[in-house]
């Protein structure tokens, strides 16, 4: 399992990047996979076993958000899935106005059903890609991005998306991320992914290990925590914070 985090030195860098992107899952393929997994992702105990410390990261980014903006009114949940992150946020800050964005309509339907029961605020759902959906700038106090940004592809994709999320926040608002990450040093990255493979194998055996790593290779394009924190600073965030890291998963964020 290799995610190339430092491509300097490849003679045909542009061609390599294009080839890598072409070999990845399309947005439609990603949507179709999640359309079939609504019930599994509705349960943190059974739906996110392959995500190390999923519950810890969920707790940390929502509690941090509450402490940063205790009087928050508007929440944006990017790649909301079945609504787990919004529900945890609502358990800490009641009656937020929630905007839920996801590629999958079945996921959105489930999230809307669950989140509507947990808030007296408004609940708006938008089916689509965060890179393309139209949202009001300087409107959101909190943006949560749980296990979604690793689907971004090249550097331009990452930078334009982070810049967009920054513009959507009110001054003083926060973007909190829980996601799959890589290491900046290739030999350490290889080691961490070997350890993660061992973890997956303990969960379900060698075949399960191969299956999980294969769809990660096909579907995901994670970047390191350092890369993303530096990018946050570049697009304007005044503060960035690391909340948690365990192997190839991390929780971190920025304050506008």
Protein backbone atom coordinates (compact mmCIF):
# COMPACT_ATOMS: atom_id res chain seq x y z
CA UNK A 1 0.00 0.00 0.00
CA UNK A 2 1.70 3.19 -1.18
CA UNK A 3 0.32 6.70 -1.26
CA UNK A 4 2.97 8.95 -2.80
CA UNK A 5 3.17 12.01 -0.59
CA UNK A 6 6.37 13.40 -2.11
CA UNK A 7 6.42 13.10 -5.88
CA UNK A 8 9.44 15.31 -6.55
CA UNK A 9 11.95 13.27 -8.42
CA UNK A 10 9.55 11.53 -10.76
CA UNK A 11 10.53 12.57 -14.28
CA UNK A 12 7.00 12.61 -15.58
CA UNK A 13 5.17 14.04 -12.60
CA UNK A 14 2.21 15.42 -14.52
CA UNK A 15 1.61 12.12 -16.27
CA UNK A 16 1.86 10.20 -13.01
CA UNK A 17 -0.72 12.44 -11.33
CA UNK A 18 -3.10 12.13 -14.27
CA UNK A 19 -2.70 8.35 -14.33
CA UNK A 20 -3.31 8.15 -10.57
CA UNK A 21 -6.49 10.21 -10.80
CA UNK A 22 -7.78 8.25 -13.81
CA UNK A 23 -7.36 4.98 -11.92
CA UNK A 24 -9.42 6.21 -8.96
CA UNK A 25 -13.13 5.70 -8.44
CA UNK A 26 -15.41 8.27 -10.02
CA UNK A 27 -17.85 10.34 -7.99
CA UNK A 28 -20.66 8.17 -9.33
CA UNK A 29 -18.93 4.97 -8.24
CA UNK A 30 -18.36 6.38 -4.76
CA UNK A 31 -22.00 7.46 -4.50
CA UNK A 32 -23.26 4.07 -5.61
CA UNK A 33 -21.17 2.29 -2.97
CA UNK A 34 -22.51 4.46 -0.17
CA UNK A 35 -26.09 4.16 -1.44
CA UNK A 36 -25.90 0.48 -0.45
CA UNK A 37 -24.40 0.99 3.02
CA UNK A 38 -26.80 3.29 4.83
CA UNK A 39 -27.74 1.03 7.74
CA UNK A 40 -24.16 -0.04 8.39
CA UNK A 41 -22.91 3.54 8.57
CA UNK A 42 -25.78 4.48 10.86
CA UNK A 43 -24.14 2.44 13.62
CA UNK A 44 -20.73 3.52 14.89
CA UNK A 45 -20.20 0.19 16.62
CA UNK A 46 -20.59 -1.89 13.47
CA UNK A 47 -20.29 0.57 10.60
CA UNK A 48 -16.86 2.04 11.17
CA UNK A 49 -14.76 -0.75 12.59
CA UNK A 50 -12.08 -0.16 9.97
CA UNK A 51 -11.76 3.47 11.12
CA UNK A 52 -9.43 3.43 14.10
CA UNK A 53 -10.71 5.48 17.05
CA UNK A 54 -13.82 6.62 15.16
CA UNK A 55 -15.72 7.29 18.39
CA UNK A 56 -12.82 9.13 19.99
CA UNK A 57 -12.36 11.39 16.98
CA UNK A 58 -16.10 12.06 16.77
CA UNK A 59 -16.15 13.07 20.43
CA UNK A 60 -13.06 15.26 20.11
CA UNK A 61 -14.04 17.28 17.05
CA UNK A 62 -17.58 17.95 18.30
CA UNK A 63 -16.48 18.85 21.84
CA UNK A 64 -13.76 21.11 20.43
CA UNK A 65 -16.34 22.81 18.20
CA UNK A 66 -18.63 23.40 21.16
CA UNK A 67 -15.84 24.96 23.19
CA UNK A 68 -14.68 27.17 20.33
CA UNK A 69 -18.19 28.46 19.46
CA UNK A 70 -20.47 27.79 22.46
CA UNK A 71 -23.18 30.03 20.96
CA UNK A 72 -23.12 28.42 17.52
CA UNK A 73 -26.29 28.58 15.44
CA UNK A 74 -25.45 27.09 12.04
CA UNK A 75 -23.79 23.75 11.32
CA UNK A 76 -22.59 22.39 7.99
CA UNK A 77 -21.96 18.63 7.86
CA UNK A 78 -19.89 17.80 4.77
CA UNK A 79 -20.27 14.22 3.58
CA UNK A 80 -22.80 13.77 6.36
CA UNK A 81 -23.46 10.09 5.68
CA UNK A 82 -26.23 8.85 7.96
CA UNK A 83 -25.87 11.87 10.27
CA UNK A 84 -23.62 10.60 13.06
CA UNK A 85 -21.52 13.76 13.29
CA UNK A 86 -24.50 16.12 13.33
CA UNK A 87 -26.20 14.02 15.97
CA UNK A 88 -23.15 14.13 18.22
CA UNK A 89 -22.87 17.88 17.68
CA UNK A 90 -26.54 18.31 18.59
CA UNK A 91 -25.99 16.34 21.80
CA UNK A 92 -23.60 19.13 22.83
CA UNK A 93 -25.24 22.20 21.27
CA UNK A 94 -29.02 21.97 21.00
CA UNK A 95 -31.25 23.17 18.20
CA UNK A 96 -28.59 24.05 15.65
CA UNK A 97 -29.69 24.83 12.11
CA UNK A 98 -28.14 21.95 10.17
CA UNK A 99 -27.12 21.80 6.54
CA UNK A 100 -26.37 18.25 5.43
CA UNK A 101 -24.41 17.60 2.23
CA UNK A 102 -23.74 14.17 0.75
CA UNK A 103 -23.44 12.44 -2.62
CA UNK A 104 -25.85 9.69 -1.61
CA UNK A 105 -29.60 10.37 -1.47
CA UNK A 106 -30.31 7.28 0.69
CA UNK A 107 -27.68 8.55 3.15
CA UNK A 108 -29.23 12.03 3.12
CA UNK A 109 -32.72 10.60 3.65
CA UNK A 110 -31.49 8.69 6.69
CA UNK A 111 -29.56 11.66 8.03
CA UNK A 112 -32.55 13.97 7.59
CA UNK A 113 -34.80 11.52 9.42
CA UNK A 114 -32.41 11.19 12.35
CA UNK A 115 -31.24 14.82 12.62
CA UNK A 116 -34.76 16.29 12.33
CA UNK A 117 -35.71 14.40 15.49
CA UNK A 118 -32.77 15.87 17.39
CA UNK A 119 -33.17 19.60 16.70
CA UNK A 120 -35.87 22.26 16.66
CA UNK A 121 -33.72 24.21 14.23
CA UNK A 122 -33.96 23.95 10.47
CA UNK A 123 -32.57 20.93 8.62
CA UNK A 124 -31.56 21.45 4.99
CA UNK A 125 -30.29 18.63 2.79
CA UNK A 126 -28.27 19.03 -0.39
CA UNK A 127 -27.37 16.08 -2.56
CA UNK A 128 -24.12 16.72 -4.35
CA UNK A 129 -20.37 17.20 -4.26
CA UNK A 130 -19.10 19.78 -1.77
CA UNK A 131 -16.92 21.13 -4.57
CA UNK A 132 -20.02 22.00 -6.59
CA UNK A 133 -22.97 22.69 -4.28
CA UNK A 134 -23.89 26.34 -3.74
CA UNK A 135 -23.79 27.46 -0.12
CA UNK A 136 -23.97 30.83 1.62
CA UNK A 137 -20.59 32.34 2.46
CA UNK A 138 -19.74 33.49 6.01
CA UNK A 139 -22.84 31.69 7.26
CA UNK A 140 -21.65 28.66 9.25
CA UNK A 141 -20.28 28.63 12.79
CA UNK A 142 -19.14 25.00 12.57
CA UNK A 143 -18.20 22.83 9.62
CA UNK A 144 -17.67 19.13 10.27
CA UNK A 145 -15.96 16.94 7.67
CA UNK A 146 -15.99 13.33 8.80
CA UNK A 147 -14.26 10.74 6.60
CA UNK A 148 -14.93 12.65 3.38
CA UNK A 149 -12.02 14.87 2.30
CA UNK A 150 -9.82 11.88 1.45
CA UNK A 151 -11.92 11.64 -1.72
CA UNK A 152 -10.32 14.83 -3.05
CA UNK A 153 -7.71 14.23 -5.74
CA UNK A 154 -4.93 16.60 -6.89
CA UNK A 155 -3.42 19.65 -5.17
CA UNK A 156 -5.77 22.07 -6.92
CA UNK A 157 -8.76 20.01 -5.77
CA UNK A 158 -7.58 20.15 -2.17
CA UNK A 159 -6.76 23.86 -2.21
CA UNK A 160 -9.99 25.03 -3.86
CA UNK A 161 -12.07 22.90 -1.49
CA UNK A 162 -10.30 24.17 1.63
CA UNK A 163 -10.61 27.75 0.33
CA UNK A 164 -14.33 27.21 -0.20
CA UNK A 165 -14.85 25.81 3.30
CA UNK A 166 -12.95 28.79 4.74
CA UNK A 167 -15.24 31.23 2.89
CA UNK A 168 -18.36 29.45 4.16
CA UNK A 169 -17.37 30.01 7.81
CA UNK A 170 -18.23 33.05 9.85
CA UNK A 171 -15.20 34.85 11.37
CA UNK A 172 -14.25 32.86 14.45
CA UNK A 173 -15.92 29.72 13.10
CA UNK A 174 -14.18 26.36 12.93
CA UNK A 175 -13.60 23.55 10.45
CA UNK A 176 -13.12 20.21 12.19
CA UNK A 177 -11.92 17.14 10.32
CA UNK A 178 -11.79 13.45 11.18
CA UNK A 179 -10.24 11.47 8.37
CA UNK A 180 -7.89 8.99 6.81
CA UNK A 181 -4.37 10.43 6.51
CA UNK A 182 -0.90 9.55 5.23
CA UNK A 183 2.63 10.25 6.41
CA UNK A 184 4.94 12.71 4.64
CA UNK A 185 7.89 10.32 4.67
CA UNK A 186 7.38 7.41 2.28
CA UNK A 187 9.20 4.76 4.31
CA UNK A 188 7.20 5.70 7.41
CA UNK A 189 4.02 5.79 5.37
CA UNK A 190 4.71 2.23 4.20
CA UNK A 191 5.28 1.17 7.81
CA UNK A 192 2.07 2.77 9.09
CA UNK A 193 -0.02 1.17 6.34
CA UNK A 194 1.57 -2.19 7.09
CA UNK A 195 0.51 -1.76 10.71
CA UNK A 196 -2.98 -0.75 9.60
CA UNK A 197 -3.16 -3.84 7.40
CA UNK A 198 -2.31 -5.95 10.45
CA UNK A 199 -5.12 -4.24 12.37
CA UNK A 200 -7.61 -5.01 9.58
CA UNK A 201 -6.44 -8.61 9.45
CA UNK A 202 -7.08 -8.99 13.18
CA UNK A 203 -10.65 -7.77 12.58
CA UNK A 204 -11.52 -10.07 9.71
CA UNK A 205 -8.62 -12.13 8.41
CA UNK A 206 -6.34 -11.95 5.38
CA UNK A 207 -9.13 -11.77 2.81
CA UNK A 208 -10.76 -8.87 4.65
CA UNK A 209 -7.39 -7.11 4.80
CA UNK A 210 -6.98 -7.42 1.06
CA UNK A 211 -10.53 -6.24 0.42
CA UNK A 212 -10.28 -3.12 2.61
CA UNK A 213 -6.87 -2.07 1.32
CA UNK A 214 -7.98 -2.62 -2.26
CA UNK A 215 -10.94 -0.27 -2.03
CA UNK A 216 -8.85 2.31 -0.18
CA UNK A 217 -6.34 2.17 -3.03
CA UNK A 218 -9.12 2.48 -5.61
CA UNK A 219 -11.36 5.03 -3.95
CA UNK A 220 -9.28 7.27 -1.68
CA UNK A 221 -6.53 9.88 -2.09
CA UNK A 222 -5.65 10.85 1.48
CA UNK A 223 -3.08 13.51 2.34
CA UNK A 224 -1.00 13.93 5.46
CA UNK A 225 -2.15 15.88 8.47
CA UNK A 226 0.79 18.24 7.99
CA UNK A 227 -0.27 18.89 4.40
CA UNK A 228 -3.82 19.73 5.44
CA UNK A 229 -2.81 21.92 8.38
CA UNK A 230 -0.41 23.85 6.14
CA UNK A 231 -3.17 24.21 3.56
CA UNK A 232 -5.53 25.58 6.19
CA UNK A 233 -2.99 28.26 7.03
CA UNK A 234 -2.48 29.02 3.35
CA UNK A 235 -6.18 29.66 2.69
CA UNK A 236 -6.50 31.92 5.74
CA UNK A 237 -7.20 30.00 8.97
CA UNK A 238 -5.62 31.91 11.86
CA UNK A 239 -5.19 28.85 14.09
CA UNK A 240 -4.86 25.12 13.44
CA UNK A 241 -5.06 22.36 16.02
CA UNK A 242 -4.23 18.64 16.20
CA UNK A 243 -6.68 16.77 18.42
CA UNK A 244 -5.75 13.13 17.83
CA UNK A 245 -3.70 10.80 15.65
CA UNK A 246 -3.54 7.01 15.59
CA UNK A 247 -1.72 5.38 12.67
CA UNK A 248 -3.46 6.48 9.45
CA UNK A 249 -6.38 8.31 11.06
CA UNK A 250 -6.48 11.75 12.63
CA UNK A 251 -8.71 14.46 14.07
CA UNK A 252 -7.71 18.09 13.58
CA UNK A 253 -9.07 21.46 12.56
CA UNK A 254 -8.76 25.18 12.06
CA UNK A 255 -10.30 28.39 13.37
CA UNK A 256 -11.10 31.29 11.03
